[in-house]
Amino acid sequence: MAAPDFNDLTLDSYTFPQSRLRRRITAPERTPLVLIACGSFSPITFLHLRMFEMAADYARFNTQFEVVGAYLSCVGDAYKKTGLVKAAHRINMCSLAVQQSSWISVDPWEALHEEYLETAKVLDHFNYELNEVMGGVDVGGGQKKKCRIALLAGADLIQTMSTPGVWAERDIDYILRNFGAFIVERTGTDIDEALSQLQSWKDNIWVIQQLVQNDISSTKVRLFLRRDMSIRYLVPEPVVQYIEENGLFDEDGAASTTSNDGKDGDGKGKGRLKAGESKGVSAVDGLDGAPGSSSGNPMG
């Protein structure tokens, strides 16, 4: 599988990815917007990718923003979570997933840190690179305008933000006041109730309705793999092949991406569920938004 290999990348050799960032805005009266999706992406799914397209459409039709770029930021290995494969694999899978995109990039900066980084620090990093180092984007006449950095996440993020004790209020205030969030609605999530607890920041929260309901989640993809069921058309084909070639998401080191009728032959399937067995996957596990201590992790 021809994918960028981040196994040998370090913070010392890191450079901020800019090749897919549009450096000049087409409508000078608009504010340039860069969308940031933070999460586990273990593995990345088509819903993760669709969220960017939904947010771009929403921004174009309903706001004064103009999207000039977007980034996937994988959480590092210090984030202890069930089903989390090594960051190098997750970064490689994300890179494969967006290899044909003209505007979505993968930034490995967060994943390169040995320590866990809060979402606020990750957003600060993007603000620094885009607005301090680069000075924003061109608007014509030799002028530049700073980019608006915004978090992109599923509705479960807002639900955790409105739940007492999950996030520190100072972190919620910092993220929503300085950056804001584009939130994609999710089946099974009462977003109105969650938003009612976040009225102080309502002007910086943009809720995007899913016109075509999509319940794909990383959790469900991993469950399919443990059951030896096909995950094709749930994740991009290059990611399917990468999972299979690297034996990811299976306790015995093997991964299958095609169904074999639930039979565990050739020593495969140790610890797997067979097709048809129940494992109680929640209908709202969605983007695997598993919040960390007072910081949160918007996507899985």
Protein backbone atom coordinates (compact mmCIF):
# COMPACT_ATOMS: atom_id res chain seq x y z
CA MET A 1 0.00 0.00 0.00
CA ALA A 2 1.56 3.29 -1.08
CA ALA A 3 1.04 5.55 1.89
CA PRO A 4 3.12 8.21 3.59
CA ASP A 5 5.01 6.49 6.39
CA PHE A 6 5.14 8.46 9.62
CA ASN A 7 6.95 5.81 11.67
CA ASP A 8 10.24 7.70 11.57
CA LEU A 9 8.80 11.21 11.85
CA THR A 10 9.70 13.20 14.99
CA LEU A 11 8.81 16.62 16.35
CA ASP A 12 12.30 17.80 15.36
CA SER A 13 11.68 16.88 11.72
CA TYR A 14 8.04 18.02 11.72
CA THR A 15 6.85 20.67 9.29
CA PHE A 16 3.32 22.01 9.13
CA PRO A 17 1.45 20.59 6.11
CA GLN A 18 0.37 23.42 3.79
CA SER A 19 0.14 21.91 0.32
CA ARG A 20 -3.67 21.60 0.34
CA LEU A 21 -4.35 24.87 2.13
CA ARG A 22 -5.81 27.53 -0.16
CA ARG A 23 -3.61 30.59 0.36
CA ARG A 24 -5.95 33.16 -1.18
CA ILE A 25 -9.61 33.70 -0.44
CA THR A 26 -11.98 34.16 -3.38
CA ALA A 27 -14.44 36.47 -1.59
CA PRO A 28 -12.51 39.12 0.39
CA GLU A 29 -15.59 40.07 2.40
CA ARG A 30 -15.75 36.57 3.89
CA THR A 31 -13.68 35.17 6.75
CA PRO A 32 -11.35 32.28 5.87
CA LEU A 33 -12.25 29.15 7.81
CA VAL A 34 -10.10 26.12 8.62
CA LEU A 35 -11.86 23.07 10.06
CA ILE A 36 -10.07 20.84 12.56
CA ALA A 37 -11.23 17.33 13.40
CA CYS A 38 -9.49 15.89 16.44
CA GLY A 39 -9.94 12.27 17.42
CA SER A 40 -8.75 8.70 17.55
CA PHE A 41 -9.67 7.73 13.96
CA SER A 42 -9.14 4.08 14.84
CA PRO A 43 -9.94 3.59 12.02
CA ILE A 44 -11.12 6.58 10.00
CA THR A 45 -14.52 6.03 8.35
CA PHE A 46 -16.51 7.55 5.52
CA LEU A 47 -18.58 9.48 8.07
CA HIS A 48 -15.46 11.27 9.30
CA LEU A 49 -14.81 12.36 5.72
CA ARG A 50 -18.45 13.26 5.01
CA MET A 51 -18.42 15.59 8.01
CA PHE A 52 -15.92 17.85 6.26
CA GLU A 53 -18.07 18.06 3.14
CA MET A 54 -21.23 18.71 5.17
CA ALA A 55 -19.48 21.45 7.13
CA ALA A 56 -18.11 23.07 3.97
CA ASP A 57 -21.58 23.15 2.42
CA TYR A 58 -23.09 24.53 5.61
CA ALA A 59 -20.46 27.27 5.85
CA ARG A 60 -20.94 28.25 2.21
CA PHE A 61 -24.74 28.51 2.38
CA ASN A 62 -25.33 29.67 5.95
CA THR A 63 -22.35 31.72 7.17
CA GLN A 64 -19.92 34.43 6.13
CA PHE A 65 -17.04 31.95 6.24
CA GLU A 66 -15.11 30.62 3.26
CA VAL A 67 -13.45 27.26 3.86
CA VAL A 68 -9.80 27.36 2.80
CA GLY A 69 -8.63 24.09 4.33
CA ALA A 70 -9.20 21.32 6.82
CA TYR A 71 -7.11 19.01 8.97
CA LEU A 72 -7.35 15.64 10.66
CA SER A 73 -5.41 15.52 13.92
CA CYS A 74 -4.93 12.07 15.46
CA VAL A 75 -4.64 11.72 19.22
CA GLY A 76 -1.29 10.36 20.40
CA ASP A 77 -0.47 7.00 21.93
CA ALA A 78 -0.67 8.45 25.44
CA TYR A 79 -4.45 8.55 25.08
CA LYS A 80 -5.41 5.19 26.54
CA LYS A 81 -8.54 3.91 24.86
CA THR A 82 -9.89 0.53 23.87
CA GLY A 83 -9.30 -0.23 20.21
CA LEU A 84 -6.61 2.41 19.75
CA VAL A 85 -3.86 1.19 17.43
CA LYS A 86 -0.49 2.92 17.24
CA ALA A 87 -0.54 6.53 16.13
CA ALA A 88 1.68 5.78 13.13
CA HIS A 89 -0.95 3.38 11.79
CA ARG A 90 -3.78 5.84 12.39
CA ILE A 91 -1.92 8.66 10.69
CA ASN A 92 -1.11 6.42 7.73
CA MET A 93 -4.76 5.36 7.44
CA CYS A 94 -5.94 8.97 7.57
CA SER A 95 -3.42 9.92 4.90
CA LEU A 96 -4.68 7.12 2.67
CA ALA A 97 -8.28 8.17 3.27
CA VAL A 98 -7.68 11.74 2.07
CA GLN A 99 -5.10 11.06 -0.63
CA GLN A 100 -7.56 12.14 -3.34
CA SER A 101 -8.85 15.19 -1.47
CA SER A 102 -7.78 18.61 -2.67
CA TRP A 103 -8.40 20.38 0.64
CA ILE A 104 -8.24 17.94 3.60
CA SER A 105 -4.82 17.32 5.15
CA VAL A 106 -3.43 15.19 7.97
CA ASP A 107 -1.35 16.94 10.61
CA PRO A 108 0.76 14.53 12.72
CA TRP A 109 1.83 17.17 15.27
CA GLU A 110 -0.54 16.07 18.04
CA ALA A 111 0.24 12.38 17.58
CA LEU A 112 3.99 12.99 17.72
CA HIS A 113 3.80 14.07 21.35
CA GLU A 114 4.53 11.46 24.01
CA GLU A 115 2.11 13.16 26.39
CA TYR A 116 -1.62 13.57 25.91
CA LEU A 117 -2.58 16.99 24.55
CA GLU A 118 -5.87 18.66 25.36
CA THR A 119 -8.03 19.75 22.44
CA ALA A 120 -7.46 23.42 23.33
CA LYS A 121 -3.69 23.01 22.91
CA VAL A 122 -4.17 21.37 19.54
CA LEU A 123 -6.36 24.23 18.33
CA ASP A 124 -3.76 26.70 19.64
CA HIS A 125 -1.17 24.91 17.50
CA PHE A 126 -3.24 25.41 14.35
CA ASN A 127 -3.87 29.04 15.22
CA TYR A 128 -0.14 29.59 15.68
CA GLU A 129 0.84 27.93 12.39
CA LEU A 130 -1.91 29.50 10.31
CA ASN A 131 -2.17 32.97 11.78
CA GLU A 132 1.13 33.70 13.50
CA VAL A 133 3.63 31.93 11.26
CA MET A 134 1.75 32.29 7.95
CA GLY A 135 -0.11 35.47 8.85
CA GLY A 136 -3.42 34.17 7.53
CA VAL A 137 -4.45 34.02 3.86
CA ASP A 138 -4.31 36.58 1.07
CA VAL A 139 -7.39 38.68 0.36
CA GLY A 140 -5.88 40.73 -2.46
CA GLY A 141 -4.14 44.07 -2.62
CA GLY A 142 -1.23 42.75 -0.60
CA GLN A 143 -3.47 42.26 2.42
CA LYS A 144 -3.95 39.17 4.56
CA LYS A 145 -6.81 38.09 6.77
CA LYS A 146 -6.45 35.75 9.72
CA CYS A 147 -8.16 32.38 9.53
CA ARG A 148 -10.96 31.36 11.80
CA ILE A 149 -10.02 28.02 13.35
CA ALA A 150 -13.01 25.87 14.27
CA LEU A 151 -13.45 22.42 15.75
CA LEU A 152 -15.42 19.91 13.68
CA ALA A 153 -17.12 17.12 15.62
CA GLY A 154 -20.21 15.01 16.11
CA ALA A 155 -23.13 15.86 18.34
CA ASP A 156 -21.78 13.61 21.07
CA LEU A 157 -19.08 16.24 21.70
CA ILE A 158 -21.66 18.86 22.60
CA GLN A 159 -23.44 16.29 24.73
CA THR A 160 -20.28 15.64 26.76
CA MET A 161 -19.57 19.37 27.04
CA SER A 162 -22.98 19.88 28.61
CA THR A 163 -22.52 17.01 31.08
CA PRO A 164 -21.24 18.20 34.47
CA GLY A 165 -17.81 16.91 35.43
CA VAL A 166 -16.72 15.70 31.99
CA TRP A 167 -15.07 18.91 30.81
CA ALA A 168 -13.62 21.73 32.88
CA GLU A 169 -15.70 24.85 32.22
CA ARG A 170 -12.54 26.86 31.55
CA ASP A 171 -11.70 24.50 28.68
CA ILE A 172 -15.21 24.71 27.24
CA ASP A 173 -15.08 28.49 27.46
CA TYR A 174 -11.63 28.67 25.89
CA ILE A 175 -12.53 26.43 22.93
CA LEU A 176 -15.98 27.84 22.19
CA ARG A 177 -15.06 31.48 22.83
CA ASN A 178 -11.81 31.53 20.84
CA PHE A 179 -12.52 28.96 18.14
CA GLY A 180 -16.08 27.67 18.04
CA ALA A 181 -17.40 24.34 16.79
CA PHE A 182 -19.24 22.96 13.78
CA ILE A 183 -21.35 20.08 15.09
CA VAL A 184 -22.91 17.37 12.94
CA GLU A 185 -26.21 16.06 14.29
CA ARG A 186 -26.30 12.39 15.18
CA THR A 187 -29.17 9.94 15.53
CA GLY A 188 -29.88 9.24 19.19
CA THR A 189 -28.30 12.44 20.51
CA ASP A 190 -30.57 15.08 22.04
CA ILE A 191 -28.64 18.04 20.75
CA ASP A 192 -31.26 20.62 21.77
CA GLU A 193 -30.95 19.61 25.41
CA ALA A 194 -27.17 19.71 25.18
CA LEU A 195 -27.18 23.14 23.54
CA SER A 196 -29.47 24.51 26.23
CA GLN A 197 -26.58 24.11 28.67
CA LEU A 198 -24.20 26.00 26.39
CA GLN A 199 -26.17 29.17 25.71
CA SER A 200 -23.24 31.40 26.65
CA TRP A 201 -21.45 30.26 23.49
CA LYS A 202 -24.43 29.76 21.15
CA ASP A 203 -23.10 32.24 18.59
CA ASN A 204 -19.97 30.11 18.14
CA ILE A 205 -21.73 26.76 17.72
CA TRP A 206 -22.99 25.82 14.28
CA VAL A 207 -25.24 22.75 14.10
CA ILE A 208 -25.28 20.82 10.83
CA GLN A 209 -28.21 18.57 10.02
CA GLN A 210 -27.46 15.22 8.38
CA LEU A 211 -29.72 15.15 5.34
CA VAL A 212 -28.65 11.56 4.70
CA GLN A 213 -28.41 9.70 8.00
CA ASN A 214 -25.11 7.93 8.51
CA ASP A 215 -24.38 5.84 11.60
CA ILE A 216 -20.96 4.50 10.70
CA SER A 217 -18.55 4.57 13.64
CA SER A 218 -15.04 3.35 14.33
CA THR A 219 -16.41 1.23 17.17
CA LYS A 220 -18.76 -0.60 14.82
CA VAL A 221 -16.01 -1.07 12.24
CA ARG A 222 -13.79 -2.68 14.88
CA LEU A 223 -16.69 -4.89 15.95
CA PHE A 224 -17.19 -6.03 12.36
CA LEU A 225 -13.51 -6.92 12.15
CA ARG A 226 -13.67 -8.94 15.37
CA ARG A 227 -16.64 -10.80 13.90
CA ASP A 228 -14.67 -11.45 10.72
CA MET A 229 -17.20 -9.43 8.72
CA SER A 230 -16.60 -7.15 5.75
CA ILE A 231 -15.98 -3.44 6.34
CA ARG A 232 -15.87 -2.48 2.69
CA TYR A 233 -17.85 0.67 1.82
CA LEU A 234 -17.75 1.66 5.51
CA VAL A 235 -14.17 2.89 5.23
CA PRO A 236 -12.16 3.92 2.14
CA GLU A 237 -10.76 0.98 0.17
CA PRO A 238 -7.09 1.96 0.70
CA VAL A 239 -7.76 1.90 4.45
CA VAL A 240 -9.42 -1.52 4.17
CA GLN A 241 -6.30 -2.83 2.45
CA TYR A 242 -3.98 -1.18 4.97
CA ILE A 243 -5.84 -2.78 7.89
CA GLU A 244 -5.61 -6.18 6.26
CA GLU A 245 -1.96 -5.87 5.30
CA ASN A 246 -0.93 -4.74 8.78
CA GLY A 247 -3.14 -7.11 10.78
CA LEU A 248 -4.85 -4.35 12.76
CA PHE A 249 -7.77 -4.47 15.21
CA ASP A 250 -7.60 -8.11 16.20
CA GLU A 251 -6.31 -9.54 19.47
CA ASP A 252 -4.23 -12.22 17.76
CA GLY A 253 -2.69 -9.74 15.32
CA ALA A 254 -4.73 -10.81 12.31
CA ALA A 255 -7.30 -8.69 10.55
CA SER A 256 -9.79 -9.78 7.95
CA THR A 257 -11.81 -7.36 5.86
CA THR A 258 -13.99 -9.92 4.15
CA SER A 259 -16.59 -12.25 5.57
CA ASN A 260 -15.98 -15.99 5.81
CA ASP A 261 -19.48 -16.86 7.00
CA GLY A 262 -18.42 -16.60 10.62
CA LYS A 263 -16.01 -19.54 10.45
CA ASP A 264 -12.72 -19.11 12.26
CA GLY A 265 -10.43 -21.23 10.12
CA ASP A 266 -6.65 -21.33 9.88
CA GLY A 267 -6.15 -20.15 13.42
CA LYS A 268 -7.85 -16.82 12.72
CA GLY A 269 -10.50 -15.37 14.96
CA LYS A 270 -9.02 -15.87 18.40
CA GLY A 271 -11.13 -13.78 20.72
CA ARG A 272 -13.47 -12.81 17.89
CA LEU A 273 -17.21 -12.67 17.95
CA LYS A 274 -18.86 -14.72 15.25
CA ALA A 275 -21.30 -13.12 12.86
CA GLY A 276 -24.65 -12.80 14.58
CA GLU A 277 -23.35 -12.63 18.14
CA SER A 278 -24.36 -9.51 20.05
CA LYS A 279 -21.89 -7.12 21.62
CA GLY A 280 -24.19 -4.27 22.54
CA VAL A 281 -22.85 -1.45 20.39
CA SER A 282 -24.56 1.79 21.35
CA ALA A 283 -26.52 3.56 18.65
CA VAL A 284 -24.88 6.80 19.70
CA ASP A 285 -21.27 5.68 19.90
CA GLY A 286 -21.10 7.67 16.70
CA LEU A 287 -17.69 9.20 16.25
CA ASP A 288 -16.24 7.47 19.28
CA GLY A 289 -16.14 10.75 21.16
CA ALA A 290 -14.60 9.52 24.36
CA PRO A 291 -13.87 12.56 26.48
CA GLY A 292 -10.70 12.62 28.49
CA SER A 293 -10.22 14.36 31.79
CA SER A 294 -11.56 17.89 31.34
CA SER A 295 -10.47 17.97 27.73
CA GLY A 296 -12.41 15.61 25.55
CA ASN A 297 -11.62 13.74 22.37
CA PRO A 298 -14.14 14.74 19.73
CA MET A 299 -13.87 11.80 17.32
CA GLY A 300 -12.97 8.15 17.27
